[in-house]
Amino acid sequence: MRRSRGGRGSATARELVDHSSTRDATRLETWPPPIGPELTGLAWSRRDALAVIGDEGTVQLWSTEGRPRLLRRLRGLGSVNKQPEVVTSVAFAPDGRLVAAGDVNHTPYTVTYRLGTVVVWDSSSGRLRWKHAGRRGTVNALSFSPDGRTLAAGYEDGSAVLYDARTGRPLRTFSLEGGGDFSFETLAFSPRGLLATGTWAGIVQLWNPADGHEVGRPTLVAAAPVASISFDPTGDMFATTGGSDGLAKLWRTSTLQQFGATFPGDRGMWGSARFADAGSHLVVTYEDGAGEIWPTSLETWKRHACAVAGRNFTREEWRRFVGRRAYAETCR
């Protein structure tokens, strides 16, 4: 495990860090992207591009080859009624050819809804492919399917909408357990094509995008909003973090049962987790700039436990904790 602390916004678009090995993190570059008063999110492309989003409709693409340089500004988002507007989510298609962003456009207090818009561009040319505006409010999360043909958007009204990624045609809408007006919803596609959604009530659901049916049952994963969902490269496991409790957990996709214990975290902080090193480690970051890297494999946990204990179980401990299975030495 490694833990680092910095000011709000550290390890964002202002810094490029080499995380190719969890044994070392080398800062590659630091620069201030001109995005306005606040950076609200970013996304990486397999084409060495970085998407940076912020206030007032700001969506920028940066090249990360060598010294960072601005490739283009993407147009299509911004306030439509002179009320504050913020770009809230961004995602690249798996092949990097498309980039999507979503926003929230506030409305006067006399109106009972907020505006939310999803836009998709060609990343290489900046050409706007399609735009979908509605009254569902904040676009809290965006995720492309593994084949890049479908874009999922999670809205603050407690819904997730599937769009044809090339044309913007709405394909299907899911009503999420525990979602509601002006709440936070998140989502992610698994490598095998399942859609996972998480809501303000701390509930995760798995969906079959093809037929709209739920897979398994709604599962309470946090005592607070689900802040992030991330699948490992196999799709067999996914990680969640809580909003407000800051705790990261691992879950088996097939059973929706928690795998291992809850990782310690920054309670009171919103967390975000992503798998790294082909799924062998989980990188968890918090809104205060803190970060942790945790191993996710049983073998790594076993080696760590053996290093801490410095010995094997005694036979009495084996009977107490393991049960009737034949005694075996687990530590070298």
C-alpha atoms as a PDB file:
ATOM      1  CA  MET A   1       0.000   0.000   0.000  1.00  0.00           C
ATOM      2  CA  ARG A   2       1.115   3.512  -0.749  1.00  0.00           C
ATOM      3  CA  ARG A   3      -0.572   6.606   0.588  1.00  0.00           C
ATOM      4  CA  SER A   4      -0.058  10.135  -0.668  1.00  0.00           C
ATOM      5  CA  ARG A   5      -1.583  13.424   0.300  1.00  0.00           C
ATOM      6  CA  GLY A   6      -1.877  16.700  -1.507  1.00  0.00           C
ATOM      7  CA  GLY A   7      -4.166  19.649  -1.960  1.00  0.00           C
ATOM      8  CA  ARG A   8      -7.553  19.403  -3.598  1.00  0.00           C
ATOM      9  CA  GLY A   9      -7.091  18.674  -7.278  1.00  0.00           C
ATOM     10  CA  SER A  10      -3.700  16.961  -6.959  1.00  0.00           C
ATOM     11  CA  ALA A  11      -3.216  13.939  -9.236  1.00  0.00           C
ATOM     12  CA  THR A  12      -5.692  15.531 -11.659  1.00  0.00           C
ATOM     13  CA  ALA A  13      -5.034  16.914 -15.115  1.00  0.00           C
ATOM     14  CA  ARG A  14      -2.348  19.161 -13.687  1.00  0.00           C
ATOM     15  CA  GLU A  15      -0.101  16.165 -13.061  1.00  0.00           C
ATOM     16  CA  LEU A  16       0.865  13.155 -15.146  1.00  0.00           C
ATOM     17  CA  VAL A  17       2.078  10.244 -13.030  1.00  0.00           C
ATOM     18  CA  ASP A  18       3.528   6.969 -14.251  1.00  0.00           C
ATOM     19  CA  HIS A  19       1.598   4.211 -12.443  1.00  0.00           C
ATOM     20  CA  SER A  20       2.854   1.402 -14.670  1.00  0.00           C
ATOM     21  CA  SER A  21       4.236  -0.217 -11.527  1.00  0.00           C
ATOM     22  CA  THR A  22       2.645   0.027  -8.106  1.00  0.00           C
ATOM     23  CA  ARG A  23       6.111  -0.099  -6.571  1.00  0.00           C
ATOM     24  CA  ASP A  24       6.899   3.379  -7.798  1.00  0.00           C
ATOM     25  CA  ALA A  25       5.043   6.438  -9.043  1.00  0.00           C
ATOM     26  CA  THR A  26       7.099   8.913 -10.999  1.00  0.00           C
ATOM     27  CA  ARG A  27       5.756  12.363 -11.813  1.00  0.00           C
ATOM     28  CA  LEU A  28       6.086  12.931 -15.532  1.00  0.00           C
ATOM     29  CA  GLU A  29       4.732  16.433 -15.992  1.00  0.00           C
ATOM     30  CA  THR A  30       2.881  19.238 -14.220  1.00  0.00           C
ATOM     31  CA  TRP A  31       0.964  21.989 -15.975  1.00  0.00           C
ATOM     32  CA  PRO A  32      -2.082  24.252 -15.444  1.00  0.00           C
ATOM     33  CA  PRO A  33      -4.713  23.558 -18.117  1.00  0.00           C
ATOM     34  CA  PRO A  34      -6.757  26.700 -18.852  1.00  0.00           C
ATOM     35  CA  ILE A  35     -10.181  25.393 -17.898  1.00  0.00           C
ATOM     36  CA  GLY A  36     -11.645  28.140 -15.727  1.00  0.00           C
ATOM     37  CA  PRO A  37     -12.266  28.194 -11.991  1.00  0.00           C
ATOM     38  CA  GLU A  38     -12.521  24.433 -11.400  1.00  0.00           C
ATOM     39  CA  LEU A  39     -11.477  21.145 -12.969  1.00  0.00           C
ATOM     40  CA  THR A  40     -14.391  18.726 -12.537  1.00  0.00           C
ATOM     41  CA  GLY A  41     -13.131  15.537 -14.167  1.00  0.00           C
ATOM     42  CA  LEU A  42     -10.906  13.791 -16.697  1.00  0.00           C
ATOM     43  CA  ALA A  43     -10.661  10.642 -18.797  1.00  0.00           C
ATOM     44  CA  TRP A  44      -7.807   8.821 -20.507  1.00  0.00           C
ATOM     45  CA  SER A  45      -7.821   7.521 -24.077  1.00  0.00           C
ATOM     46  CA  ARG A  46      -5.835   4.611 -25.470  1.00  0.00           C
ATOM     47  CA  ARG A  47      -4.655   7.086 -28.094  1.00  0.00           C
ATOM     48  CA  ASP A  48      -2.532   9.018 -25.573  1.00  0.00           C
ATOM     49  CA  ALA A  49      -5.148  11.735 -25.203  1.00  0.00           C
ATOM     50  CA  LEU A  50      -6.496  13.202 -21.992  1.00  0.00           C
ATOM     51  CA  ALA A  51      -9.961  14.763 -21.808  1.00  0.00           C
ATOM     52  CA  VAL A  52     -10.329  17.554 -19.246  1.00  0.00           C
ATOM     53  CA  ILE A  53     -13.669  19.065 -18.240  1.00  0.00           C
ATOM     54  CA  GLY A  54     -14.715  22.039 -16.132  1.00  0.00           C
ATOM     55  CA  ASP A  55     -17.126  24.940 -15.764  1.00  0.00           C
ATOM     56  CA  GLU A  56     -18.933  26.825 -18.524  1.00  0.00           C
ATOM     57  CA  GLY A  57     -19.045  23.986 -21.040  1.00  0.00           C
ATOM     58  CA  THR A  58     -15.279  23.372 -21.019  1.00  0.00           C
ATOM     59  CA  VAL A  59     -14.166  20.137 -22.703  1.00  0.00           C
ATOM     60  CA  GLN A  60     -10.535  19.982 -23.815  1.00  0.00           C
ATOM     61  CA  LEU A  61      -8.413  17.235 -25.368  1.00  0.00           C
ATOM     62  CA  TRP A  62      -4.700  17.162 -24.508  1.00  0.00           C
ATOM     63  CA  SER A  63      -1.897  15.098 -25.958  1.00  0.00           C
ATOM     64  CA  THR A  64       0.173  13.338 -23.290  1.00  0.00           C
ATOM     65  CA  GLU A  65       3.009  12.350 -25.617  1.00  0.00           C
ATOM     66  CA  GLY A  66       6.031  14.312 -24.450  1.00  0.00           C
ATOM     67  CA  ARG A  67       5.208  17.672 -22.955  1.00  0.00           C
ATOM     68  CA  PRO A  68       1.390  18.062 -22.667  1.00  0.00           C
ATOM     69  CA  ARG A  69      -0.138  20.185 -25.423  1.00  0.00           C
ATOM     70  CA  LEU A  70      -3.704  21.196 -26.161  1.00  0.00           C
ATOM     71  CA  LEU A  71      -5.101  19.330 -29.169  1.00  0.00           C
ATOM     72  CA  ARG A  72      -8.527  20.952 -29.403  1.00  0.00           C
ATOM     73  CA  ARG A  73     -11.474  22.396 -27.556  1.00  0.00           C
ATOM     74  CA  LEU A  74     -14.732  20.528 -28.075  1.00  0.00           C
ATOM     75  CA  ARG A  75     -17.811  22.680 -28.619  1.00  0.00           C
ATOM     76  CA  GLY A  76     -21.398  21.736 -27.899  1.00  0.00           C
ATOM     77  CA  LEU A  77     -21.978  22.223 -24.172  1.00  0.00           C
ATOM     78  CA  GLY A  78     -22.680  25.426 -22.259  1.00  0.00           C
ATOM     79  CA  SER A  79     -25.463  27.342 -20.579  1.00  0.00           C
ATOM     80  CA  VAL A  80     -28.661  27.656 -22.592  1.00  0.00           C
ATOM     81  CA  ASN A  81     -30.500  29.972 -20.171  1.00  0.00           C
ATOM     82  CA  LYS A  82     -27.783  32.169 -18.621  1.00  0.00           C
ATOM     83  CA  GLN A  83     -27.867  30.005 -15.446  1.00  0.00           C
ATOM     84  CA  PRO A  84     -24.662  28.306 -14.157  1.00  0.00           C
ATOM     85  CA  GLU A  85     -23.573  25.266 -16.149  1.00  0.00           C
ATOM     86  CA  VAL A  86     -20.881  22.671 -15.350  1.00  0.00           C
ATOM     87  CA  VAL A  87     -19.560  19.709 -17.329  1.00  0.00           C
ATOM     88  CA  THR A  88     -19.907  16.819 -14.881  1.00  0.00           C
ATOM     89  CA  SER A  89     -18.793  13.617 -16.664  1.00  0.00           C
ATOM     90  CA  VAL A  90     -16.582  12.485 -19.533  1.00  0.00           C
ATOM     91  CA  ALA A  91     -15.633   9.145 -21.128  1.00  0.00           C
ATOM     92  CA  PHE A  92     -13.796   7.753 -24.158  1.00  0.00           C
ATOM     93  CA  ALA A  93     -14.983   4.832 -26.267  1.00  0.00           C
ATOM     94  CA  PRO A  94     -12.726   1.764 -25.851  1.00  0.00           C
ATOM     95  CA  ASP A  95     -10.927   2.437 -29.145  1.00  0.00           C
ATOM     96  CA  GLY A  96     -10.582   6.145 -28.354  1.00  0.00           C
ATOM     97  CA  ARG A  97     -12.385   7.283 -31.519  1.00  0.00           C
ATOM     98  CA  LEU A  98     -15.365   8.806 -29.693  1.00  0.00           C
ATOM     99  CA  VAL A  99     -15.475  10.973 -26.594  1.00  0.00           C
ATOM    100  CA  ALA A 100     -18.648  11.774 -24.643  1.00  0.00           C
ATOM    101  CA  ALA A 101     -19.380  14.416 -22.030  1.00  0.00           C
ATOM    102  CA  GLY A 102     -22.411  15.351 -19.943  1.00  0.00           C
ATOM    103  CA  ASP A 103     -23.367  18.424 -17.939  1.00  0.00           C
ATOM    104  CA  VAL A 104     -25.886  20.068 -15.655  1.00  0.00           C
ATOM    105  CA  ASN A 105     -27.500  23.375 -16.535  1.00  0.00           C
ATOM    106  CA  HIS A 106     -29.186  24.955 -13.524  1.00  0.00           C
ATOM    107  CA  THR A 107     -32.653  26.468 -13.746  1.00  0.00           C
ATOM    108  CA  PRO A 108     -34.462  29.135 -11.695  1.00  0.00           C
ATOM    109  CA  TYR A 109     -35.819  28.055  -8.297  1.00  0.00           C
ATOM    110  CA  THR A 110     -39.332  28.360  -9.690  1.00  0.00           C
ATOM    111  CA  VAL A 111     -38.624  25.318 -11.902  1.00  0.00           C
ATOM    112  CA  THR A 112     -38.725  21.784 -10.469  1.00  0.00           C
ATOM    113  CA  TYR A 113     -36.075  20.300 -12.768  1.00  0.00           C
ATOM    114  CA  ARG A 114     -32.555  20.912 -14.050  1.00  0.00           C
ATOM    115  CA  LEU A 115     -31.310  20.431 -17.585  1.00  0.00           C
ATOM    116  CA  GLY A 116     -28.805  17.740 -18.528  1.00  0.00           C
ATOM    117  CA  THR A 117     -27.135  17.261 -21.902  1.00  0.00           C
ATOM    118  CA  VAL A 118     -25.054  14.418 -23.374  1.00  0.00           C
ATOM    119  CA  VAL A 119     -22.752  15.138 -26.335  1.00  0.00           C
ATOM    120  CA  VAL A 120     -20.558  12.801 -28.395  1.00  0.00           C
ATOM    121  CA  TRP A 121     -17.687  13.944 -30.644  1.00  0.00           C
ATOM    122  CA  ASP A 122     -15.133  12.364 -32.954  1.00  0.00           C
ATOM    123  CA  SER A 123     -11.983  12.689 -30.886  1.00  0.00           C
ATOM    124  CA  SER A 124      -9.632  12.989 -33.890  1.00  0.00           C
ATOM    125  CA  SER A 125     -11.456  15.862 -35.605  1.00  0.00           C
ATOM    126  CA  GLY A 126     -13.604  17.372 -32.860  1.00  0.00           C
ATOM    127  CA  ARG A 127     -16.715  16.962 -35.034  1.00  0.00           C
ATOM    128  CA  LEU A 128     -19.923  16.832 -33.011  1.00  0.00           C
ATOM    129  CA  ARG A 129     -21.660  13.526 -33.744  1.00  0.00           C
ATOM    130  CA  TRP A 130     -24.849  14.044 -31.727  1.00  0.00           C
ATOM    131  CA  LYS A 131     -26.350  15.904 -28.794  1.00  0.00           C
ATOM    132  CA  HIS A 132     -29.225  14.929 -26.504  1.00  0.00           C
ATOM    133  CA  ALA A 133     -30.703  17.491 -24.076  1.00  0.00           C
ATOM    134  CA  GLY A 134     -33.430  16.798 -21.538  1.00  0.00           C
ATOM    135  CA  ARG A 135     -34.888  17.515 -18.127  1.00  0.00           C
ATOM    136  CA  ARG A 136     -33.354  14.562 -16.281  1.00  0.00           C
ATOM    137  CA  GLY A 137     -30.807  16.831 -14.597  1.00  0.00           C
ATOM    138  CA  THR A 138     -27.124  16.212 -13.920  1.00  0.00           C
ATOM    139  CA  VAL A 139     -25.388  13.634 -16.081  1.00  0.00           C
ATOM    140  CA  ASN A 140     -23.498  12.030 -13.203  1.00  0.00           C
ATOM    141  CA  ALA A 141     -21.766   9.229 -15.116  1.00  0.00           C
ATOM    142  CA  LEU A 142     -21.013   8.047 -18.656  1.00  0.00           C
ATOM    143  CA  SER A 143     -19.718   4.670 -19.832  1.00  0.00           C
ATOM    144  CA  PHE A 144     -19.238   3.091 -23.262  1.00  0.00           C
ATOM    145  CA  SER A 145     -19.960  -0.595 -23.792  1.00  0.00           C
ATOM    146  CA  PRO A 146     -16.936  -2.840 -24.523  1.00  0.00           C
ATOM    147  CA  ASP A 147     -17.726  -2.855 -28.256  1.00  0.00           C
ATOM    148  CA  GLY A 148     -18.151   0.939 -28.284  1.00  0.00           C
ATOM    149  CA  ARG A 149     -21.629   0.769 -29.807  1.00  0.00           C
ATOM    150  CA  THR A 150     -23.620   1.824 -26.753  1.00  0.00           C
ATOM    151  CA  LEU A 151     -23.256   4.752 -24.374  1.00  0.00           C
ATOM    152  CA  ALA A 152     -24.832   4.605 -20.915  1.00  0.00           C
ATOM    153  CA  ALA A 153     -25.670   7.807 -19.042  1.00  0.00           C
ATOM    154  CA  GLY A 154     -26.637   8.012 -15.371  1.00  0.00           C
ATOM    155  CA  TYR A 155     -28.925  10.918 -14.495  1.00  0.00           C
ATOM    156  CA  GLU A 156     -29.788  12.564 -11.200  1.00  0.00           C
ATOM    157  CA  ASP A 157     -33.494  11.705 -11.584  1.00  0.00           C
ATOM    158  CA  GLY A 158     -32.672   8.074 -10.748  1.00  0.00           C
ATOM    159  CA  SER A 159     -32.491   6.747 -14.302  1.00  0.00           C
ATOM    160  CA  ALA A 160     -29.880   5.245 -16.593  1.00  0.00           C
ATOM    161  CA  VAL A 161     -30.357   5.676 -20.346  1.00  0.00           C
ATOM    162  CA  LEU A 162     -28.694   3.666 -23.103  1.00  0.00           C
ATOM    163  CA  TYR A 163     -27.943   5.501 -26.360  1.00  0.00           C
ATOM    164  CA  ASP A 164     -26.673   4.339 -29.716  1.00  0.00           C
ATOM    165  CA  ALA A 165     -23.147   5.728 -29.479  1.00  0.00           C
ATOM    166  CA  ARG A 166     -22.987   6.622 -33.176  1.00  0.00           C
ATOM    167  CA  THR A 167     -26.394   8.222 -33.677  1.00  0.00           C
ATOM    168  CA  GLY A 168     -27.634   9.213 -30.207  1.00  0.00           C
ATOM    169  CA  ARG A 169     -30.844   7.212 -30.580  1.00  0.00           C
ATOM    170  CA  PRO A 170     -32.222   6.276 -27.125  1.00  0.00           C
ATOM    171  CA  LEU A 171     -32.307   2.489 -26.809  1.00  0.00           C
ATOM    172  CA  ARG A 172     -33.495   1.724 -23.293  1.00  0.00           C
ATOM    173  CA  THR A 173     -34.146   3.396 -19.932  1.00  0.00           C
ATOM    174  CA  PHE A 174     -33.619   1.796 -16.509  1.00  0.00           C
ATOM    175  CA  SER A 175     -35.274   3.015 -13.302  1.00  0.00           C
ATOM    176  CA  LEU A 176     -32.757   2.490 -10.523  1.00  0.00           C
ATOM    177  CA  GLU A 177     -33.466   1.217  -7.020  1.00  0.00           C
ATOM    178  CA  GLY A 178     -32.913   4.006  -4.514  1.00  0.00           C
ATOM    179  CA  GLY A 179     -32.521   6.722  -7.138  1.00  0.00           C
ATOM    180  CA  GLY A 180     -34.528   9.900  -7.049  1.00  0.00           C
ATOM    181  CA  ASP A 181     -34.801  13.566  -7.827  1.00  0.00           C
ATOM    182  CA  PHE A 182     -31.577  15.581  -7.445  1.00  0.00           C
ATOM    183  CA  SER A 183     -29.605  12.499  -6.344  1.00  0.00           C
ATOM    184  CA  PHE A 184     -26.319  10.933  -7.484  1.00  0.00           C
ATOM    185  CA  GLU A 185     -26.205   7.867  -9.739  1.00  0.00           C
ATOM    186  CA  THR A 186     -23.128   6.160 -11.183  1.00  0.00           C
ATOM    187  CA  LEU A 187     -22.582   3.295 -13.614  1.00  0.00           C
ATOM    188  CA  ALA A 188     -20.001   1.187 -15.470  1.00  0.00           C
ATOM    189  CA  PHE A 189     -19.944  -1.516 -18.138  1.00  0.00           C
ATOM    190  CA  SER A 190     -18.172  -4.780 -17.390  1.00  0.00           C
ATOM    191  CA  PRO A 191     -15.732  -6.234 -19.952  1.00  0.00           C
ATOM    192  CA  ARG A 192     -18.428  -8.839 -20.698  1.00  0.00           C
ATOM    193  CA  GLY A 193     -21.098  -6.240 -21.407  1.00  0.00           C
ATOM    194  CA  LEU A 194     -23.105  -6.179 -18.178  1.00  0.00           C
ATOM    195  CA  LEU A 195     -24.126  -2.740 -16.937  1.00  0.00           C
ATOM    196  CA  ALA A 196     -23.665  -1.983 -13.238  1.00  0.00           C
ATOM    197  CA  THR A 197     -25.507   0.960 -11.693  1.00  0.00           C
ATOM    198  CA  GLY A 198     -25.216   2.531  -8.252  1.00  0.00           C
ATOM    199  CA  THR A 199     -27.532   4.998  -6.542  1.00  0.00           C
ATOM    200  CA  TRP A 200     -27.789   7.578  -3.798  1.00  0.00           C
ATOM    201  CA  ALA A 201     -29.236   4.891  -1.506  1.00  0.00           C
ATOM    202  CA  GLY A 202     -26.025   2.817  -1.700  1.00  0.00           C
ATOM    203  CA  ILE A 203     -27.559   0.131  -3.945  1.00  0.00           C
ATOM    204  CA  VAL A 204     -25.837  -1.588  -6.887  1.00  0.00           C
ATOM    205  CA  GLN A 205     -27.749  -3.401  -9.632  1.00  0.00           C
ATOM    206  CA  LEU A 206     -26.537  -5.432 -12.608  1.00  0.00           C
ATOM    207  CA  TRP A 207     -28.420  -5.254 -15.910  1.00  0.00           C
ATOM    208  CA  ASN A 208     -28.454  -7.068 -19.234  1.00  0.00           C
ATOM    209  CA  PRO A 209     -28.442  -4.165 -21.733  1.00  0.00           C
ATOM    210  CA  ALA A 210     -29.769  -6.369 -24.531  1.00  0.00           C
ATOM    211  CA  ASP A 211     -33.116  -7.201 -22.935  1.00  0.00           C
ATOM    212  CA  GLY A 212     -33.283  -4.730 -20.053  1.00  0.00           C
ATOM    213  CA  HIS A 213     -33.603  -7.446 -17.408  1.00  0.00           C
ATOM    214  CA  GLU A 214     -31.890  -7.174 -14.046  1.00  0.00           C
ATOM    215  CA  VAL A 215     -29.226  -9.781 -13.309  1.00  0.00           C
ATOM    216  CA  GLY A 216     -29.343 -10.984  -9.714  1.00  0.00           C
ATOM    217  CA  ARG A 217     -30.807  -8.729  -7.057  1.00  0.00           C
ATOM    218  CA  PRO A 218     -30.343  -5.145  -5.834  1.00  0.00           C
ATOM    219  CA  THR A 219     -27.417  -5.197  -3.398  1.00  0.00           C
ATOM    220  CA  LEU A 220     -26.682  -2.712  -0.638  1.00  0.00           C
ATOM    221  CA  VAL A 221     -22.956  -1.966  -0.943  1.00  0.00           C
ATOM    222  CA  ALA A 222     -22.668   1.236   1.104  1.00  0.00           C
ATOM    223  CA  ALA A 223     -24.459   3.095   3.853  1.00  0.00           C
ATOM    224  CA  ALA A 224     -24.091   6.178   1.686  1.00  0.00           C
ATOM    225  CA  PRO A 225     -24.262   6.989  -2.039  1.00  0.00           C
ATOM    226  CA  VAL A 226     -22.299   4.723  -4.378  1.00  0.00           C
ATOM    227  CA  ALA A 227     -19.529   7.055  -5.507  1.00  0.00           C
ATOM    228  CA  SER A 228     -17.835   4.805  -8.085  1.00  0.00           C
ATOM    229  CA  ILE A 229     -17.976   1.360  -9.716  1.00  0.00           C
ATOM    230  CA  SER A 230     -15.027  -0.270 -11.473  1.00  0.00           C
ATOM    231  CA  PHE A 231     -14.677  -3.766 -12.977  1.00  0.00           C
ATOM    232  CA  ASP A 232     -11.439  -5.732 -13.090  1.00  0.00           C
ATOM    233  CA  PRO A 233     -10.201  -6.768 -16.572  1.00  0.00           C
ATOM    234  CA  THR A 234     -11.890 -10.183 -16.348  1.00  0.00           C
ATOM    235  CA  GLY A 235     -15.285  -8.854 -15.300  1.00  0.00           C
ATOM    236  CA  ASP A 236     -15.389 -11.414 -12.481  1.00  0.00           C
ATOM    237  CA  MET A 237     -14.999  -8.748  -9.806  1.00  0.00           C
ATOM    238  CA  PHE A 238     -15.932  -5.112  -9.326  1.00  0.00           C
ATOM    239  CA  ALA A 239     -15.006  -2.465  -6.787  1.00  0.00           C
ATOM    240  CA  THR A 240     -17.237   0.157  -5.206  1.00  0.00           C
ATOM    241  CA  THR A 241     -16.532   3.224  -3.110  1.00  0.00           C
ATOM    242  CA  GLY A 242     -18.940   5.105  -0.915  1.00  0.00           C
ATOM    243  CA  GLY A 243     -19.830   8.741  -0.986  1.00  0.00           C
ATOM    244  CA  SER A 244     -19.436  10.195   2.509  1.00  0.00           C
ATOM    245  CA  ASP A 245     -18.016   6.999   4.036  1.00  0.00           C
ATOM    246  CA  GLY A 246     -15.069   6.777   1.614  1.00  0.00           C
ATOM    247  CA  LEU A 247     -14.794   2.982   1.940  1.00  0.00           C
ATOM    248  CA  ALA A 248     -13.701   0.732  -0.934  1.00  0.00           C
ATOM    249  CA  LYS A 249     -15.031  -2.820  -1.267  1.00  0.00           C
ATOM    250  CA  LEU A 250     -14.616  -5.729  -3.690  1.00  0.00           C
ATOM    251  CA  TRP A 251     -17.571  -7.775  -4.974  1.00  0.00           C
ATOM    252  CA  ARG A 252     -17.981 -11.013  -6.941  1.00  0.00           C
ATOM    253  CA  THR A 253     -19.975 -10.269 -10.091  1.00  0.00           C
ATOM    254  CA  SER A 254     -21.554 -13.725 -10.262  1.00  0.00           C
ATOM    255  CA  THR A 255     -22.859 -13.785  -6.679  1.00  0.00           C
ATOM    256  CA  LEU A 256     -22.931 -10.091  -5.672  1.00  0.00           C
ATOM    257  CA  GLN A 257     -21.193 -11.166  -2.467  1.00  0.00           C
ATOM    258  CA  GLN A 258     -18.424  -9.069  -0.920  1.00  0.00           C
ATOM    259  CA  PHE A 259     -14.942 -10.460  -1.513  1.00  0.00           C
ATOM    260  CA  GLY A 260     -12.602  -9.998   1.451  1.00  0.00           C
ATOM    261  CA  ALA A 261     -12.851  -7.262   4.028  1.00  0.00           C
ATOM    262  CA  THR A 262     -13.617  -3.591   3.496  1.00  0.00           C
ATOM    263  CA  PHE A 263     -10.477  -1.539   2.860  1.00  0.00           C
ATOM    264  CA  PRO A 264      -9.743   1.223   5.371  1.00  0.00           C
ATOM    265  CA  GLY A 265     -10.482   4.659   3.949  1.00  0.00           C
ATOM    266  CA  ASP A 266     -11.028   8.334   4.562  1.00  0.00           C
ATOM    267  CA  ARG A 267     -14.382   8.396   6.312  1.00  0.00           C
ATOM    268  CA  GLY A 268     -16.407  11.455   5.487  1.00  0.00           C
ATOM    269  CA  MET A 269     -14.790  11.697   2.034  1.00  0.00           C
ATOM    270  CA  TRP A 270     -16.125  10.738  -1.380  1.00  0.00           C
ATOM    271  CA  GLY A 271     -13.910   8.046  -2.875  1.00  0.00           C
ATOM    272  CA  SER A 272     -13.166   6.823  -6.384  1.00  0.00           C
ATOM    273  CA  ALA A 273     -11.545   3.466  -7.206  1.00  0.00           C
ATOM    274  CA  ARG A 274     -10.054   1.929 -10.362  1.00  0.00           C
ATOM    275  CA  PHE A 275      -8.221  -1.340 -11.001  1.00  0.00           C
ATOM    276  CA  ALA A 276      -4.593  -1.161 -12.127  1.00  0.00           C
ATOM    277  CA  ASP A 277      -1.803  -3.601 -13.047  1.00  0.00           C
ATOM    278  CA  ALA A 278      -4.166  -5.947 -14.920  1.00  0.00           C
ATOM    279  CA  GLY A 279      -6.466  -6.053 -11.921  1.00  0.00           C
ATOM    280  CA  SER A 280      -3.897  -7.002  -9.277  1.00  0.00           C
ATOM    281  CA  HIS A 281      -4.189  -3.676  -7.455  1.00  0.00           C
ATOM    282  CA  LEU A 282      -6.922  -1.166  -6.681  1.00  0.00           C
ATOM    283  CA  VAL A 283      -6.146   2.563  -6.743  1.00  0.00           C
ATOM    284  CA  VAL A 284      -8.428   4.571  -4.431  1.00  0.00           C
ATOM    285  CA  THR A 285      -8.453   8.373  -4.350  1.00  0.00           C
ATOM    286  CA  TYR A 286     -10.402  10.841  -2.231  1.00  0.00           C
ATOM    287  CA  GLU A 287     -11.708  14.362  -2.672  1.00  0.00           C
ATOM    288  CA  ASP A 288      -9.106  15.757  -0.259  1.00  0.00           C
ATOM    289  CA  GLY A 289      -6.253  14.615  -2.535  1.00  0.00           C
ATOM    290  CA  ALA A 290      -5.380  11.467  -0.567  1.00  0.00           C
ATOM    291  CA  GLY A 291      -4.695   8.219  -2.384  1.00  0.00           C
ATOM    292  CA  GLU A 292      -4.112   4.549  -1.595  1.00  0.00           C
ATOM    293  CA  ILE A 293      -3.106   1.469  -3.575  1.00  0.00           C
ATOM    294  CA  TRP A 294      -4.337  -1.912  -2.330  1.00  0.00           C
ATOM    295  CA  PRO A 295      -3.560  -5.454  -3.553  1.00  0.00           C
ATOM    296  CA  THR A 296      -6.640  -7.385  -4.661  1.00  0.00           C
ATOM    297  CA  SER A 297      -5.467 -11.006  -5.016  1.00  0.00           C
ATOM    298  CA  LEU A 298      -5.712 -13.781  -2.405  1.00  0.00           C
ATOM    299  CA  GLU A 299      -2.079 -14.689  -2.982  1.00  0.00           C
ATOM    300  CA  THR A 300      -0.933 -11.152  -2.182  1.00  0.00           C
ATOM    301  CA  TRP A 301      -3.129 -11.018   0.918  1.00  0.00           C
ATOM    302  CA  LYS A 302      -1.695 -14.375   2.042  1.00  0.00           C
ATOM    303  CA  ARG A 303       1.884 -13.180   1.628  1.00  0.00           C
ATOM    304  CA  HIS A 304       1.104 -10.011   3.577  1.00  0.00           C
ATOM    305  CA  ALA A 305      -0.577 -11.937   6.406  1.00  0.00           C
ATOM    306  CA  CYS A 306       2.374 -14.308   6.634  1.00  0.00           C
ATOM    307  CA  ALA A 307       4.814 -11.395   6.730  1.00  0.00           C
ATOM    308  CA  VAL A 308       2.860  -9.763   9.561  1.00  0.00           C
ATOM    309  CA  ALA A 309       2.390 -12.974  11.573  1.00  0.00           C
ATOM    310  CA  GLY A 310       5.855 -14.373  10.923  1.00  0.00           C
ATOM    311  CA  ARG A 311       4.599 -17.955  11.368  1.00  0.00           C
ATOM    312  CA  ASN A 312       1.957 -20.503  10.400  1.00  0.00           C
ATOM    313  CA  PHE A 313      -1.278 -21.241  12.247  1.00  0.00           C
ATOM    314  CA  THR A 314      -0.928 -23.514  15.212  1.00  0.00           C
ATOM    315  CA  ARG A 315      -3.095 -26.632  14.986  1.00  0.00           C
ATOM    316  CA  GLU A 316      -5.448 -25.169  17.597  1.00  0.00           C
ATOM    317  CA  GLU A 317      -5.816 -21.954  15.574  1.00  0.00           C
ATOM    318  CA  TRP A 318      -6.386 -23.998  12.431  1.00  0.00           C
ATOM    319  CA  ARG A 319      -9.275 -25.892  14.054  1.00  0.00           C
ATOM    320  CA  ARG A 320     -10.756 -22.648  15.376  1.00  0.00           C
ATOM    321  CA  PHE A 321     -10.553 -20.562  12.188  1.00  0.00           C
ATOM    322  CA  VAL A 322     -10.471 -23.076   9.323  1.00  0.00           C
ATOM    323  CA  GLY A 323     -12.476 -26.001  10.632  1.00  0.00           C
ATOM    324  CA  ARG A 324     -12.235 -29.650   9.633  1.00  0.00           C
ATOM    325  CA  ARG A 325     -10.065 -29.291   6.556  1.00  0.00           C
ATOM    326  CA  ALA A 326      -6.708 -31.054   6.823  1.00  0.00           C
ATOM    327  CA  TYR A 327      -4.003 -28.940   8.448  1.00  0.00           C
ATOM    328  CA  ALA A 328      -1.555 -27.318   6.022  1.00  0.00           C
ATOM    329  CA  GLU A 329       1.256 -24.822   6.329  1.00  0.00           C
ATOM    330  CA  THR A 330       0.288 -21.703   4.416  1.00  0.00           C
ATOM    331  CA  CYS A 331       3.349 -19.558   5.120  1.00  0.00           C
ATOM    332  CA  ARG A 332       6.846 -20.355   3.987  1.00  0.00           C
END
